[in-house]
Amino acid sequence: MRMPHQFDVSTIVNLRDLGGIALAGNSAVRPGLLLRSGQLDRLDPMADPAVAALGIHTVVDLRTEHERRDRPDRVPDGARLIVADVLAGAFPAAVQGDQVPARIESVLGSPALAEEHLGGGKAEKLLCDSYRAFVSSQAACDAYRLLLSALAEPDCGPLLFHCTAGKDRTGWAATVILLLLGADEATAEREYLDVNPAVRAAFAPIIERFTSAGGDPQIADAILGVRPAYLAAALEEMYRAYGDVERYVRDGLGVPDDAVDRIRARYVA
């Protein structure tokens, strides 16, 4: 069974095609239609013909207003942009659990503050809290409903969804989509964890500045990596509140069954 394709491009962080991931019934995700990545502020389809060839029709931006303002998306010509802010309404000042995924650079900007707020296992706890909020917060439910609703639209075309690093908000989105299409939990977790090398490579300069200034590398790893415990926190919250992914999508996100049927018909090969 074909595995998801990691693109070797310079203008998009952590770009992956979910096509080829194994699903129930000896099926797989249809290639070329479901793409995930980090921020698109450096996207240049002319410089990356492989990206231009993808024919991206819809881009769903899961980032905050602050992130979009600082690093606005450059979307392919003719593509439609949908803003689906998972952390909408989060106060942008102090380091808090629901803000860490959106504020990577500022969180790691001061080793002393990072140690105070994130040392001693606090970073892992904050990330787990963030992942639970991906399931339980109204803003996140609204955002992921927009994403799945877009996937169900007849003119959706190849769709790319992304956040900043393409690992947390995007990682949960990919997990939900894969489970909804029929992937087992172990397969969804593998896809979630497989982004680690690309994310660490993309943010290597931030890690280097942080550790060179005396920052604890374990804090950087906790913030910039993906870990099984993070995904487990979101899954536990989903099962606790809804029982399974179908009820989460229908009752939590408000995506009707006929939309789910269209998603499965389109993206299962």
C-alpha atoms as a PDB file:
ATOM      1  CA  MET A   1       0.000   0.000   0.000  1.00  0.00           C
ATOM      2  CA  ARG A   2       1.388   3.371  -1.006  1.00  0.00           C
ATOM      3  CA  MET A   3       2.398   5.718   1.810  1.00  0.00           C
ATOM      4  CA  PRO A   4       1.733   9.486   1.880  1.00  0.00           C
ATOM      5  CA  HIS A   5       4.116  11.520  -0.252  1.00  0.00           C
ATOM      6  CA  GLN A   6       6.425  14.063   1.404  1.00  0.00           C
ATOM      7  CA  PHE A   7       7.251  16.722  -1.183  1.00  0.00           C
ATOM      8  CA  ASP A   8      10.802  17.987  -1.531  1.00  0.00           C
ATOM      9  CA  VAL A   9      10.008  21.681  -2.010  1.00  0.00           C
ATOM     10  CA  SER A  10      11.542  24.838  -0.617  1.00  0.00           C
ATOM     11  CA  THR A  11       8.577  27.163  -0.423  1.00  0.00           C
ATOM     12  CA  ILE A  12       6.113  25.184   1.723  1.00  0.00           C
ATOM     13  CA  VAL A  13       6.847  23.833   5.183  1.00  0.00           C
ATOM     14  CA  ASN A  14       6.001  20.168   5.749  1.00  0.00           C
ATOM     15  CA  LEU A  15       3.887  19.534   2.645  1.00  0.00           C
ATOM     16  CA  ARG A  16       2.354  16.044   2.523  1.00  0.00           C
ATOM     17  CA  ASP A  17      -0.216  14.282   0.370  1.00  0.00           C
ATOM     18  CA  LEU A  18      -2.420  11.977   2.440  1.00  0.00           C
ATOM     19  CA  GLY A  19      -3.055   9.898  -0.667  1.00  0.00           C
ATOM     20  CA  GLY A  20      -2.137   6.247  -0.343  1.00  0.00           C
ATOM     21  CA  ILE A  21      -2.735   5.906   3.390  1.00  0.00           C
ATOM     22  CA  ALA A  22      -4.367   2.552   4.087  1.00  0.00           C
ATOM     23  CA  LEU A  23      -8.057   2.449   5.002  1.00  0.00           C
ATOM     24  CA  ALA A  24     -10.464  -0.300   5.988  1.00  0.00           C
ATOM     25  CA  GLY A  25     -11.592  -2.793   3.379  1.00  0.00           C
ATOM     26  CA  ASN A  26      -8.310  -2.877   1.438  1.00  0.00           C
ATOM     27  CA  SER A  27      -8.892   0.694   0.265  1.00  0.00           C
ATOM     28  CA  ALA A  28      -6.770   3.829   0.561  1.00  0.00           C
ATOM     29  CA  VAL A  29      -6.993   7.607   0.517  1.00  0.00           C
ATOM     30  CA  ARG A  30      -7.293   8.830  -3.060  1.00  0.00           C
ATOM     31  CA  PRO A  31      -4.037  10.588  -4.024  1.00  0.00           C
ATOM     32  CA  GLY A  32      -3.703  14.223  -5.038  1.00  0.00           C
ATOM     33  CA  LEU A  33      -6.801  15.527  -3.262  1.00  0.00           C
ATOM     34  CA  LEU A  34      -5.969  15.848   0.453  1.00  0.00           C
ATOM     35  CA  LEU A  35      -2.853  17.875   1.221  1.00  0.00           C
ATOM     36  CA  ARG A  36      -1.514  19.125   4.546  1.00  0.00           C
ATOM     37  CA  SER A  37       1.309  21.544   5.289  1.00  0.00           C
ATOM     38  CA  GLY A  38       2.701  24.361   7.373  1.00  0.00           C
ATOM     39  CA  GLN A  39       2.395  28.056   6.562  1.00  0.00           C
ATOM     40  CA  LEU A  40       2.214  29.213   2.936  1.00  0.00           C
ATOM     41  CA  ASP A  41       3.842  32.629   3.272  1.00  0.00           C
ATOM     42  CA  ARG A  42       6.726  31.595   0.982  1.00  0.00           C
ATOM     43  CA  LEU A  43       4.663  29.633  -1.535  1.00  0.00           C
ATOM     44  CA  ASP A  44       5.918  30.175  -5.082  1.00  0.00           C
ATOM     45  CA  PRO A  45       4.332  27.750  -7.563  1.00  0.00           C
ATOM     46  CA  MET A  46       6.580  29.074 -10.337  1.00  0.00           C
ATOM     47  CA  ALA A  47       9.688  28.106  -8.345  1.00  0.00           C
ATOM     48  CA  ASP A  48       8.223  24.717  -7.398  1.00  0.00           C
ATOM     49  CA  PRO A  49       6.638  23.117 -10.489  1.00  0.00           C
ATOM     50  CA  ALA A  50       5.663  20.074  -8.409  1.00  0.00           C
ATOM     51  CA  VAL A  51       3.455  22.308  -6.277  1.00  0.00           C
ATOM     52  CA  ALA A  52       1.933  24.023  -9.304  1.00  0.00           C
ATOM     53  CA  ALA A  53       1.140  20.603 -10.760  1.00  0.00           C
ATOM     54  CA  LEU A  54      -0.953  19.731  -7.733  1.00  0.00           C
ATOM     55  CA  GLY A  55      -3.711  22.039  -8.997  1.00  0.00           C
ATOM     56  CA  ILE A  56      -4.679  23.205  -5.511  1.00  0.00           C
ATOM     57  CA  HIS A  57      -8.210  24.560  -5.703  1.00  0.00           C
ATOM     58  CA  THR A  58      -8.998  25.235  -2.032  1.00  0.00           C
ATOM     59  CA  VAL A  59      -6.776  26.318   0.866  1.00  0.00           C
ATOM     60  CA  VAL A  60      -8.038  26.136   4.454  1.00  0.00           C
ATOM     61  CA  ASP A  61      -5.977  28.262   6.856  1.00  0.00           C
ATOM     62  CA  LEU A  62      -6.323  27.068  10.463  1.00  0.00           C
ATOM     63  CA  ARG A  63      -4.187  29.880  11.929  1.00  0.00           C
ATOM     64  CA  THR A  64      -5.057  32.834  14.149  1.00  0.00           C
ATOM     65  CA  GLU A  65      -5.553  36.402  12.982  1.00  0.00           C
ATOM     66  CA  HIS A  66      -2.146  37.270  14.481  1.00  0.00           C
ATOM     67  CA  GLU A  67      -0.426  34.536  12.463  1.00  0.00           C
ATOM     68  CA  ARG A  68      -2.235  35.450   9.263  1.00  0.00           C
ATOM     69  CA  ARG A  69      -1.328  39.106   9.668  1.00  0.00           C
ATOM     70  CA  ASP A  70       2.351  38.386  10.339  1.00  0.00           C
ATOM     71  CA  ARG A  71       2.779  35.783   7.600  1.00  0.00           C
ATOM     72  CA  PRO A  72      -0.122  35.989   5.125  1.00  0.00           C
ATOM     73  CA  ASP A  73      -0.754  33.042   2.855  1.00  0.00           C
ATOM     74  CA  ARG A  74       0.337  33.146  -0.757  1.00  0.00           C
ATOM     75  CA  VAL A  75      -2.238  30.920  -2.416  1.00  0.00           C
ATOM     76  CA  PRO A  76      -1.995  29.521  -5.949  1.00  0.00           C
ATOM     77  CA  ASP A  77      -3.655  31.546  -8.690  1.00  0.00           C
ATOM     78  CA  GLY A  78      -7.351  30.790  -8.849  1.00  0.00           C
ATOM     79  CA  ALA A  79      -7.432  28.988  -5.503  1.00  0.00           C
ATOM     80  CA  ARG A  80     -10.012  29.928  -2.923  1.00  0.00           C
ATOM     81  CA  LEU A  81      -8.894  30.694   0.642  1.00  0.00           C
ATOM     82  CA  ILE A  82     -11.037  29.701   3.632  1.00  0.00           C
ATOM     83  CA  VAL A  83     -10.101  31.020   7.081  1.00  0.00           C
ATOM     84  CA  ALA A  84     -10.909  28.492   9.812  1.00  0.00           C
ATOM     85  CA  ASP A  85      -9.285  29.837  12.998  1.00  0.00           C
ATOM     86  CA  VAL A  86      -9.012  26.954  15.457  1.00  0.00           C
ATOM     87  CA  LEU A  87      -7.860  29.274  18.264  1.00  0.00           C
ATOM     88  CA  ALA A  88     -10.183  32.215  17.561  1.00  0.00           C
ATOM     89  CA  GLY A  89     -10.648  34.416  20.589  1.00  0.00           C
ATOM     90  CA  ALA A  90      -7.548  33.201  22.441  1.00  0.00           C
ATOM     91  CA  PHE A  91      -5.904  36.112  24.239  1.00  0.00           C
ATOM     92  CA  PRO A  92      -2.513  36.630  22.543  1.00  0.00           C
ATOM     93  CA  ALA A  93      -0.371  37.748  25.494  1.00  0.00           C
ATOM     94  CA  ALA A  94       0.854  35.252  28.106  1.00  0.00           C
ATOM     95  CA  VAL A  95       1.851  31.687  27.379  1.00  0.00           C
ATOM     96  CA  GLN A  96      -1.263  29.544  27.785  1.00  0.00           C
ATOM     97  CA  GLY A  97      -2.195  26.075  26.653  1.00  0.00           C
ATOM     98  CA  ASP A  98      -4.478  27.133  23.810  1.00  0.00           C
ATOM     99  CA  GLN A  99      -1.897  29.583  22.467  1.00  0.00           C
ATOM    100  CA  VAL A 100       1.306  27.530  22.282  1.00  0.00           C
ATOM    101  CA  PRO A 101       0.599  26.040  18.804  1.00  0.00           C
ATOM    102  CA  ALA A 102       0.128  29.560  17.400  1.00  0.00           C
ATOM    103  CA  ARG A 103       3.094  31.291  19.033  1.00  0.00           C
ATOM    104  CA  ILE A 104       6.098  29.039  18.530  1.00  0.00           C
ATOM    105  CA  GLU A 105       8.660  31.768  17.905  1.00  0.00           C
ATOM    106  CA  SER A 106       7.587  34.007  20.788  1.00  0.00           C
ATOM    107  CA  VAL A 107       7.292  31.074  23.205  1.00  0.00           C
ATOM    108  CA  LEU A 108      10.914  30.143  22.482  1.00  0.00           C
ATOM    109  CA  GLY A 109      12.146  33.724  22.294  1.00  0.00           C
ATOM    110  CA  SER A 110      13.388  33.896  25.894  1.00  0.00           C
ATOM    111  CA  PRO A 111      15.037  30.874  27.547  1.00  0.00           C
ATOM    112  CA  ALA A 112      14.337  32.309  31.003  1.00  0.00           C
ATOM    113  CA  LEU A 113      10.624  32.822  30.329  1.00  0.00           C
ATOM    114  CA  ALA A 114      10.414  29.459  28.597  1.00  0.00           C
ATOM    115  CA  GLU A 115      11.912  27.777  31.651  1.00  0.00           C
ATOM    116  CA  GLU A 116       9.505  29.601  33.957  1.00  0.00           C
ATOM    117  CA  HIS A 117       6.380  28.823  31.969  1.00  0.00           C
ATOM    118  CA  LEU A 118       7.304  25.579  30.218  1.00  0.00           C
ATOM    119  CA  GLY A 119      10.036  23.841  32.210  1.00  0.00           C
ATOM    120  CA  GLY A 120       9.604  20.809  34.403  1.00  0.00           C
ATOM    121  CA  GLY A 121       7.041  19.096  32.190  1.00  0.00           C
ATOM    122  CA  LYS A 122       4.776  22.151  31.855  1.00  0.00           C
ATOM    123  CA  ALA A 123       5.250  22.265  28.091  1.00  0.00           C
ATOM    124  CA  GLU A 124       3.878  18.756  27.644  1.00  0.00           C
ATOM    125  CA  LYS A 125       0.909  19.534  29.872  1.00  0.00           C
ATOM    126  CA  LEU A 126       0.139  22.734  27.961  1.00  0.00           C
ATOM    127  CA  LEU A 127       0.264  20.915  24.632  1.00  0.00           C
ATOM    128  CA  CYS A 128      -2.034  18.187  25.929  1.00  0.00           C
ATOM    129  CA  ASP A 129      -4.445  20.895  27.116  1.00  0.00           C
ATOM    130  CA  SER A 130      -4.266  22.470  23.653  1.00  0.00           C
ATOM    131  CA  TYR A 131      -5.170  19.191  22.000  1.00  0.00           C
ATOM    132  CA  ARG A 132      -8.138  18.683  24.300  1.00  0.00           C
ATOM    133  CA  ALA A 133      -9.285  22.168  23.325  1.00  0.00           C
ATOM    134  CA  PHE A 134      -9.112  21.178  19.653  1.00  0.00           C
ATOM    135  CA  VAL A 135     -12.034  18.885  20.476  1.00  0.00           C
ATOM    136  CA  SER A 136     -13.928  20.837  23.121  1.00  0.00           C
ATOM    137  CA  SER A 137     -13.661  24.556  22.294  1.00  0.00           C
ATOM    138  CA  GLN A 138     -16.360  26.225  20.219  1.00  0.00           C
ATOM    139  CA  ALA A 139     -13.791  27.990  18.040  1.00  0.00           C
ATOM    140  CA  ALA A 140     -12.117  24.703  17.168  1.00  0.00           C
ATOM    141  CA  CYS A 141     -15.432  23.001  16.441  1.00  0.00           C
ATOM    142  CA  ASP A 142     -16.407  25.884  14.137  1.00  0.00           C
ATOM    143  CA  ALA A 143     -13.035  25.727  12.362  1.00  0.00           C
ATOM    144  CA  TYR A 144     -12.992  21.980  11.799  1.00  0.00           C
ATOM    145  CA  ARG A 145     -16.621  22.123  10.639  1.00  0.00           C
ATOM    146  CA  LEU A 146     -15.555  24.630   7.967  1.00  0.00           C
ATOM    147  CA  LEU A 147     -12.773  22.305   6.845  1.00  0.00           C
ATOM    148  CA  LEU A 148     -14.977  19.213   6.579  1.00  0.00           C
ATOM    149  CA  SER A 149     -17.782  21.182   4.954  1.00  0.00           C
ATOM    150  CA  ALA A 150     -15.331  22.378   2.311  1.00  0.00           C
ATOM    151  CA  LEU A 151     -14.230  18.795   1.678  1.00  0.00           C
ATOM    152  CA  ALA A 152     -17.846  17.851   1.009  1.00  0.00           C
ATOM    153  CA  GLU A 153     -18.458  20.594  -1.561  1.00  0.00           C
ATOM    154  CA  PRO A 154     -18.757  19.406  -5.182  1.00  0.00           C
ATOM    155  CA  ASP A 155     -16.294  22.024  -6.492  1.00  0.00           C
ATOM    156  CA  CYS A 156     -13.715  21.546  -3.731  1.00  0.00           C
ATOM    157  CA  GLY A 157     -10.961  20.164  -5.946  1.00  0.00           C
ATOM    158  CA  PRO A 158      -7.568  19.340  -4.413  1.00  0.00           C
ATOM    159  CA  LEU A 159      -7.631  20.883  -0.928  1.00  0.00           C
ATOM    160  CA  LEU A 160      -4.685  21.906   1.233  1.00  0.00           C
ATOM    161  CA  PHE A 161      -5.189  22.576   4.949  1.00  0.00           C
ATOM    162  CA  HIS A 162      -2.489  24.070   7.123  1.00  0.00           C
ATOM    163  CA  CYS A 163      -1.441  25.955  10.240  1.00  0.00           C
ATOM    164  CA  THR A 164       2.026  27.369  11.039  1.00  0.00           C
ATOM    165  CA  ALA A 165       4.186  24.288  11.543  1.00  0.00           C
ATOM    166  CA  GLY A 166       1.638  21.856  10.114  1.00  0.00           C
ATOM    167  CA  LYS A 167       1.792  19.605  13.158  1.00  0.00           C
ATOM    168  CA  ASP A 168      -0.773  20.425  15.877  1.00  0.00           C
ATOM    169  CA  ARG A 169      -3.966  21.995  14.514  1.00  0.00           C
ATOM    170  CA  THR A 170      -3.197  20.413  11.140  1.00  0.00           C
ATOM    171  CA  GLY A 171      -2.262  17.121  12.786  1.00  0.00           C
ATOM    172  CA  TRP A 172      -5.615  16.855  14.528  1.00  0.00           C
ATOM    173  CA  ALA A 173      -7.431  17.739  11.310  1.00  0.00           C
ATOM    174  CA  ALA A 174      -5.572  14.994   9.447  1.00  0.00           C
ATOM    175  CA  THR A 175      -6.342  12.503  12.210  1.00  0.00           C
ATOM    176  CA  VAL A 176     -10.071  13.280  12.124  1.00  0.00           C
ATOM    177  CA  ILE A 177     -10.191  13.022   8.339  1.00  0.00           C
ATOM    178  CA  LEU A 178      -8.308   9.722   8.285  1.00  0.00           C
ATOM    179  CA  LEU A 179     -10.435   8.159  11.016  1.00  0.00           C
ATOM    180  CA  LEU A 180     -13.591   9.358   9.275  1.00  0.00           C
ATOM    181  CA  LEU A 181     -12.434   7.784   6.001  1.00  0.00           C
ATOM    182  CA  GLY A 182     -11.768   4.450   7.719  1.00  0.00           C
ATOM    183  CA  ALA A 183      -8.139   4.454   8.830  1.00  0.00           C
ATOM    184  CA  ASP A 184      -7.446   2.671  12.089  1.00  0.00           C
ATOM    185  CA  GLU A 185      -6.044   4.620  15.010  1.00  0.00           C
ATOM    186  CA  ALA A 186      -2.528   3.207  14.623  1.00  0.00           C
ATOM    187  CA  THR A 187      -2.386   4.341  10.991  1.00  0.00           C
ATOM    188  CA  ALA A 188      -3.622   7.820  11.881  1.00  0.00           C
ATOM    189  CA  GLU A 189      -1.035   8.058  14.655  1.00  0.00           C
ATOM    190  CA  ARG A 190       1.774   7.057  12.275  1.00  0.00           C
ATOM    191  CA  GLU A 191       0.816   9.843   9.886  1.00  0.00           C
ATOM    192  CA  TYR A 192       0.658  12.267  12.818  1.00  0.00           C
ATOM    193  CA  LEU A 193       4.147  11.316  14.061  1.00  0.00           C
ATOM    194  CA  ASP A 194       5.751  11.128  10.621  1.00  0.00           C
ATOM    195  CA  VAL A 195       5.879  14.927  10.304  1.00  0.00           C
ATOM    196  CA  ASN A 196       8.478  15.225  13.092  1.00  0.00           C
ATOM    197  CA  PRO A 197      11.613  15.295  10.873  1.00  0.00           C
ATOM    198  CA  ALA A 198      10.185  17.894   8.470  1.00  0.00           C
ATOM    199  CA  VAL A 199       9.006  20.158  11.281  1.00  0.00           C
ATOM    200  CA  ARG A 200      12.315  19.999  13.119  1.00  0.00           C
ATOM    201  CA  ALA A 201      14.227  20.744   9.922  1.00  0.00           C
ATOM    202  CA  ALA A 202      12.004  23.715   9.105  1.00  0.00           C
ATOM    203  CA  PHE A 203      12.381  25.219  12.583  1.00  0.00           C
ATOM    204  CA  ALA A 204      16.032  24.304  13.115  1.00  0.00           C
ATOM    205  CA  PRO A 205      17.134  27.989  13.190  1.00  0.00           C
ATOM    206  CA  ILE A 206      14.681  28.720  16.033  1.00  0.00           C
ATOM    207  CA  ILE A 207      15.887  25.679  17.963  1.00  0.00           C
ATOM    208  CA  GLU A 208      19.517  26.692  17.427  1.00  0.00           C
ATOM    209  CA  ARG A 209      18.932  30.266  18.634  1.00  0.00           C
ATOM    210  CA  PHE A 210      17.027  29.038  21.653  1.00  0.00           C
ATOM    211  CA  THR A 211      19.553  26.420  22.759  1.00  0.00           C
ATOM    212  CA  SER A 212      22.560  28.656  21.972  1.00  0.00           C
ATOM    213  CA  ALA A 213      21.086  31.248  24.335  1.00  0.00           C
ATOM    214  CA  GLY A 214      20.904  28.627  27.087  1.00  0.00           C
ATOM    215  CA  GLY A 215      17.416  27.297  26.439  1.00  0.00           C
ATOM    216  CA  ASP A 216      16.545  23.778  27.527  1.00  0.00           C
ATOM    217  CA  PRO A 217      16.482  21.548  24.411  1.00  0.00           C
ATOM    218  CA  GLN A 218      13.803  19.402  26.046  1.00  0.00           C
ATOM    219  CA  ILE A 219      11.467  22.418  26.057  1.00  0.00           C
ATOM    220  CA  ALA A 220      12.161  23.074  22.371  1.00  0.00           C
ATOM    221  CA  ASP A 221      11.537  19.421  21.589  1.00  0.00           C
ATOM    222  CA  ALA A 222       8.251  19.442  23.490  1.00  0.00           C
ATOM    223  CA  ILE A 223       7.026  22.576  21.702  1.00  0.00           C
ATOM    224  CA  LEU A 224       8.285  21.843  18.204  1.00  0.00           C
ATOM    225  CA  GLY A 225       7.756  18.093  18.151  1.00  0.00           C
ATOM    226  CA  VAL A 226       4.689  15.901  17.994  1.00  0.00           C
ATOM    227  CA  ARG A 227       4.270  13.201  20.604  1.00  0.00           C
ATOM    228  CA  PRO A 228       1.872  10.289  21.053  1.00  0.00           C
ATOM    229  CA  ALA A 229       0.649  11.810  24.327  1.00  0.00           C
ATOM    230  CA  TYR A 230      -0.561  14.946  22.547  1.00  0.00           C
ATOM    231  CA  LEU A 231      -2.687  13.060  20.048  1.00  0.00           C
ATOM    232  CA  ALA A 232      -3.871  10.703  22.795  1.00  0.00           C
ATOM    233  CA  ALA A 233      -5.174  13.697  24.766  1.00  0.00           C
ATOM    234  CA  ALA A 234      -7.368  14.800  21.858  1.00  0.00           C
ATOM    235  CA  LEU A 235      -8.582  11.267  21.160  1.00  0.00           C
ATOM    236  CA  GLU A 236      -9.435  10.720  24.815  1.00  0.00           C
ATOM    237  CA  GLU A 237     -11.414  13.970  24.842  1.00  0.00           C
ATOM    238  CA  MET A 238     -13.245  12.962  21.683  1.00  0.00           C
ATOM    239  CA  TYR A 239     -14.143   9.514  23.038  1.00  0.00           C
ATOM    240  CA  ARG A 240     -15.144  10.966  26.407  1.00  0.00           C
ATOM    241  CA  ALA A 241     -17.439  13.572  24.920  1.00  0.00           C
ATOM    242  CA  TYR A 242     -18.793  11.800  21.843  1.00  0.00           C
ATOM    243  CA  GLY A 243     -17.916   8.107  21.905  1.00  0.00           C
ATOM    244  CA  ASP A 244     -16.483   7.880  18.391  1.00  0.00           C
ATOM    245  CA  VAL A 245     -15.337   9.980  15.453  1.00  0.00           C
ATOM    246  CA  GLU A 246     -18.645   9.818  13.598  1.00  0.00           C
ATOM    247  CA  ARG A 247     -20.598  11.286  16.521  1.00  0.00           C
ATOM    248  CA  TYR A 248     -17.868  13.867  17.072  1.00  0.00           C
ATOM    249  CA  VAL A 249     -18.153  14.981  13.444  1.00  0.00           C
ATOM    250  CA  ARG A 250     -21.959  14.906  13.410  1.00  0.00           C
ATOM    251  CA  ASP A 251     -22.796  16.217  16.893  1.00  0.00           C
ATOM    252  CA  GLY A 252     -19.668  18.134  17.874  1.00  0.00           C
ATOM    253  CA  LEU A 253     -18.795  19.714  14.542  1.00  0.00           C
ATOM    254  CA  GLY A 254     -22.308  19.780  13.110  1.00  0.00           C
ATOM    255  CA  VAL A 255     -21.402  18.083   9.821  1.00  0.00           C
ATOM    256  CA  PRO A 256     -24.460  16.171   8.532  1.00  0.00           C
ATOM    257  CA  ASP A 257     -24.335  12.516   7.522  1.00  0.00           C
ATOM    258  CA  ASP A 258     -24.894  13.267   3.837  1.00  0.00           C
ATOM    259  CA  ALA A 259     -21.797  15.493   3.833  1.00  0.00           C
ATOM    260  CA  VAL A 260     -19.796  12.681   5.428  1.00  0.00           C
ATOM    261  CA  ASP A 261     -21.059  10.318   2.724  1.00  0.00           C
ATOM    262  CA  ARG A 262     -19.844  12.733   0.030  1.00  0.00           C
ATOM    263  CA  ILE A 263     -16.441  13.023   1.709  1.00  0.00           C
ATOM    264  CA  ARG A 264     -16.038   9.253   1.791  1.00  0.00           C
ATOM    265  CA  ALA A 265     -17.192   8.835  -1.800  1.00  0.00           C
ATOM    266  CA  ARG A 266     -14.675  11.411  -3.025  1.00  0.00           C
ATOM    267  CA  TYR A 267     -11.565  10.625  -1.009  1.00  0.00           C
ATOM    268  CA  VAL A 268     -11.623   6.822  -0.680  1.00  0.00           C
ATOM    269  CA  ALA A 269      -9.978   5.034  -3.603  1.00  0.00           C
END
